[in-house]
C-alpha atoms as a PDB file:
ATOM      1  CA  MET A   1     -32.840  -0.205  -1.377  1.00  0.00           C
ATOM      2  CA  ILE A   2     -29.598  -2.136  -1.229  1.00  0.00           C
ATOM      3  CA  ASP A   3     -29.638  -5.889  -0.812  1.00  0.00           C
ATOM      4  CA  PRO A   4     -28.161  -6.899   2.577  1.00  0.00           C
ATOM      5  CA  LEU A   5     -26.075  -9.613   0.916  1.00  0.00           C
ATOM      6  CA  VAL A   6     -24.526  -7.104  -1.494  1.00  0.00           C
ATOM      7  CA  ALA A   7     -23.888  -4.661   1.369  1.00  0.00           C
ATOM      8  CA  SER A   8     -22.164  -7.259   3.523  1.00  0.00           C
ATOM      9  CA  ALA A   9     -20.136  -8.574   0.586  1.00  0.00           C
ATOM     10  CA  SER A  10     -19.052  -4.998  -0.211  1.00  0.00           C
ATOM     11  CA  VAL A  11     -17.871  -4.424   3.364  1.00  0.00           C
ATOM     12  CA  ILE A  12     -15.926  -7.699   3.371  1.00  0.00           C
ATOM     13  CA  ALA A  13     -14.404  -6.957  -0.035  1.00  0.00           C
ATOM     14  CA  ALA A  14     -13.425  -3.456   1.109  1.00  0.00           C
ATOM     15  CA  SER A  15     -11.709  -4.804   4.208  1.00  0.00           C
ATOM     16  CA  VAL A  16      -9.851  -7.417   2.149  1.00  0.00           C
ATOM     17  CA  ALA A  17      -8.789  -4.742  -0.368  1.00  0.00           C
ATOM     18  CA  VAL A  18      -7.345  -2.525   2.357  1.00  0.00           C
ATOM     19  CA  GLY A  19      -5.797  -5.435   4.245  1.00  0.00           C
ATOM     20  CA  LEU A  20      -4.084  -7.064   1.296  1.00  0.00           C
ATOM     21  CA  GLY A  21      -3.292  -3.685  -0.214  1.00  0.00           C
ATOM     22  CA  ALA A  22      -1.322  -2.750   2.908  1.00  0.00           C
ATOM     23  CA  VAL A  23       0.487  -6.031   3.593  1.00  0.00           C
ATOM     24  CA  GLY A  24       2.583  -6.173   0.429  1.00  0.00           C
ATOM     25  CA  PRO A  25       3.781  -2.571   0.435  1.00  0.00           C
ATOM     26  CA  GLY A  26       4.376  -2.758   4.195  1.00  0.00           C
ATOM     27  CA  ILE A  27       6.700  -5.727   3.805  1.00  0.00           C
ATOM     28  CA  GLY A  28       8.358  -4.094   0.808  1.00  0.00           C
ATOM     29  CA  GLN A  29       8.928  -0.831   2.652  1.00  0.00           C
ATOM     30  CA  GLY A  30      10.484  -2.626   5.605  1.00  0.00           C
ATOM     31  CA  THR A  31      12.780  -4.608   3.336  1.00  0.00           C
ATOM     32  CA  ALA A  32      13.766  -1.531   1.317  1.00  0.00           C
ATOM     33  CA  ALA A  33      14.529   0.494   4.434  1.00  0.00           C
ATOM     34  CA  SER A  34      16.574  -2.367   5.871  1.00  0.00           C
ATOM     35  CA  ARG A  35      18.646  -2.709   2.700  1.00  0.00           C
ATOM     36  CA  ALA A  36      19.109   1.054   2.456  1.00  0.00           C
ATOM     37  CA  VAL A  37      20.468   1.212   6.001  1.00  0.00           C
ATOM     38  CA  GLU A  38      22.803  -1.678   5.206  1.00  0.00           C
ATOM     39  CA  GLY A  39      23.981   0.067   2.048  1.00  0.00           C
ATOM     40  CA  ILE A  40      24.602   3.337   3.865  1.00  0.00           C
ATOM     41  CA  ALA A  41      26.501   1.497   6.598  1.00  0.00           C
ATOM     42  CA  ARG A  42      28.727  -0.174   4.002  1.00  0.00           C
ATOM     43  CA  GLN A  43      29.249   2.899   1.815  1.00  0.00           C
ATOM     44  CA  PRO A  44      28.589   6.137   3.720  1.00  0.00           C
ATOM     45  CA  GLU A  45      29.744   8.216   0.751  1.00  0.00           C
ATOM     46  CA  ALA A  46      26.807   6.923  -1.314  1.00  0.00           C
ATOM     47  CA  GLU A  47      24.231   8.031   1.257  1.00  0.00           C
ATOM     48  CA  GLY A  48      22.663  10.719  -0.951  1.00  0.00           C
ATOM     49  CA  LYS A  49      22.047   8.421  -3.907  1.00  0.00           C
ATOM     50  CA  ILE A  50      20.744   5.610  -1.691  1.00  0.00           C
ATOM     51  CA  ARG A  51      18.404   7.933   0.199  1.00  0.00           C
ATOM     52  CA  GLY A  52      17.009   9.442  -3.005  1.00  0.00           C
ATOM     53  CA  THR A  53      16.360   6.051  -4.538  1.00  0.00           C
ATOM     54  CA  LEU A  54      14.813   4.818  -1.291  1.00  0.00           C
ATOM     55  CA  LEU A  55      12.414   7.750  -1.031  1.00  0.00           C
ATOM     56  CA  LEU A  56      11.311   7.373  -4.632  1.00  0.00           C
ATOM     57  CA  SER A  57      10.675   3.649  -4.221  1.00  0.00           C
ATOM     58  CA  LEU A  58       8.816   4.228  -0.932  1.00  0.00           C
ATOM     59  CA  ALA A  59       6.551   6.724  -2.679  1.00  0.00           C
ATOM     60  CA  PHE A  60       5.679   4.180  -5.359  1.00  0.00           C
ATOM     61  CA  MET A  61       4.986   1.512  -2.730  1.00  0.00           C
ATOM     62  CA  GLU A  62       2.757   3.902  -0.806  1.00  0.00           C
ATOM     63  CA  ALA A  63       0.813   4.597  -4.003  1.00  0.00           C
ATOM     64  CA  LEU A  64      -0.081   0.896  -4.149  1.00  0.00           C
ATOM     65  CA  THR A  65      -1.547   1.127  -0.652  1.00  0.00           C
ATOM     66  CA  ILE A  66      -3.569   4.171  -1.650  1.00  0.00           C
ATOM     67  CA  TYR A  67      -4.970   2.270  -4.647  1.00  0.00           C
ATOM     68  CA  GLY A  68      -6.270  -0.374  -2.219  1.00  0.00           C
ATOM     69  CA  LEU A  69      -7.893   2.361  -0.164  1.00  0.00           C
ATOM     70  CA  VAL A  70      -9.535   3.846  -3.277  1.00  0.00           C
ATOM     71  CA  VAL A  71     -10.952   0.446  -4.231  1.00  0.00           C
ATOM     72  CA  ALA A  72     -12.333   0.042  -0.707  1.00  0.00           C
ATOM     73  CA  LEU A  73     -13.933   3.490  -0.752  1.00  0.00           C
ATOM     74  CA  VAL A  74     -15.530   2.787  -4.128  1.00  0.00           C
ATOM     75  CA  LEU A  75     -16.952  -0.473  -2.803  1.00  0.00           C
ATOM     76  CA  LEU A  76     -18.342   1.232   0.279  1.00  0.00           C
ATOM     77  CA  PHE A  77     -19.687   4.520  -1.064  1.00  0.00           C
ATOM     78  CA  ALA A  78     -20.030   4.292  -4.854  1.00  0.00           C
ATOM     79  CA  ASN A  79     -20.902   0.631  -5.098  1.00  0.00           C
ATOM     80  CA  PRO A  80     -21.439  -0.291  -8.749  1.00  0.00           C
ATOM     81  CA  PHE A  81     -23.101  -3.570  -7.707  1.00  0.00           C
ATOM     82  CA  ALA A  82     -25.887  -2.007  -5.677  1.00  0.00           C
END
Protein backbone atom coordinates (compact mmCIF):
# COMPACT_ATOMS: atom_id res chain seq x y z
CA MET A 1 0.00 0.00 0.00
CA ILE A 2 1.38 3.37 -1.00
CA ASP A 3 1.35 6.24 1.45
CA PRO A 4 -1.03 9.01 0.28
CA LEU A 5 1.60 11.66 1.05
CA VAL A 6 4.17 9.90 -1.13
CA ALA A 7 1.60 9.47 -3.92
CA SER A 8 0.60 13.12 -3.90
CA ALA A 9 4.22 14.27 -3.72
CA SER A 10 5.04 12.01 -6.69
CA VAL A 11 2.23 13.51 -8.77
CA ILE A 12 3.33 17.06 -7.92
CA ALA A 13 6.97 16.24 -8.66
CA ALA A 14 6.00 14.64 -11.98
CA SER A 15 4.02 17.70 -13.02
CA VAL A 16 6.90 20.00 -12.06
CA ALA A 17 9.36 17.80 -13.99
CA VAL A 18 7.26 17.96 -17.15
CA GLY A 19 6.46 21.64 -16.73
CA LEU A 20 10.00 22.83 -16.12
CA GLY A 21 11.37 20.30 -18.58
CA ALA A 22 9.25 21.85 -21.34
CA VAL A 23 9.68 25.55 -20.56
CA GLY A 24 13.42 25.80 -21.16
CA PRO A 25 13.56 23.86 -24.42
CA GLY A 26 10.41 25.64 -25.63
CA ILE A 27 12.00 29.05 -25.16
CA GLY A 28 15.24 27.80 -26.69
CA GLN A 29 13.49 26.37 -29.73
CA GLY A 30 11.62 29.61 -30.32
CA THR A 31 14.81 31.64 -30.04
CA ALA A 32 16.74 29.27 -32.31
CA ALA A 33 14.03 29.30 -34.97
CA SER A 34 13.84 33.09 -34.82
CA ARG A 35 17.60 33.47 -35.26
CA ALA A 36 17.65 30.90 -38.06
CA VAL A 37 14.97 32.80 -39.98
CA GLU A 38 16.93 36.02 -39.47
CA GLY A 39 20.10 34.35 -40.70
CA ILE A 40 18.39 32.94 -43.78
CA ALA A 41 16.87 36.34 -44.53
CA ARG A 42 20.29 37.98 -44.33
CA GLN A 43 22.20 35.29 -46.23
CA PRO A 44 19.88 33.18 -48.41
CA GLU A 45 22.85 31.31 -49.90
CA ALA A 46 23.65 29.83 -46.47
CA GLU A 47 20.15 28.38 -46.04
CA GLY A 48 21.26 24.74 -46.22
CA LYS A 49 23.91 25.05 -43.53
CA ILE A 50 21.64 27.10 -41.26
CA ARG A 51 18.74 24.67 -41.65
CA GLY A 52 20.93 21.65 -40.91
CA THR A 53 22.38 23.23 -37.81
CA LEU A 54 18.92 24.33 -36.68
CA LEU A 55 17.42 20.87 -37.05
CA LEU A 56 20.28 19.26 -35.15
CA SER A 57 20.00 21.76 -32.29
CA LEU A 58 16.20 21.37 -32.18
CA ALA A 59 16.62 17.61 -31.86
CA PHE A 60 18.94 18.04 -28.89
CA MET A 61 16.53 20.49 -27.24
CA GLU A 62 13.64 18.09 -27.77
CA ALA A 63 15.68 15.34 -26.10
CA LEU A 64 15.81 17.48 -22.95
CA THR A 65 12.01 17.65 -22.93
CA ILE A 66 11.80 13.89 -23.32
CA TYR A 67 14.13 13.43 -20.34
CA GLY A 68 11.65 15.44 -18.24
CA LEU A 69 8.85 13.19 -19.45
CA VAL A 70 10.86 10.07 -18.54
CA VAL A 71 11.48 11.40 -15.03
CA ALA A 72 7.76 12.09 -14.65
CA LEU A 73 6.81 8.61 -15.84
CA VAL A 74 9.29 7.03 -13.43
CA LEU A 75 7.82 9.04 -10.57
CA LEU A 76 4.29 8.03 -11.50
CA PHE A 77 4.64 4.37 -12.44
CA ALA A 78 7.96 3.04 -11.13
CA ASN A 79 8.18 5.12 -8.00
CA PRO A 80 11.36 4.23 -6.11
CA PHE A 81 10.05 6.02 -3.00
CA ALA A 82 6.92 3.93 -2.60
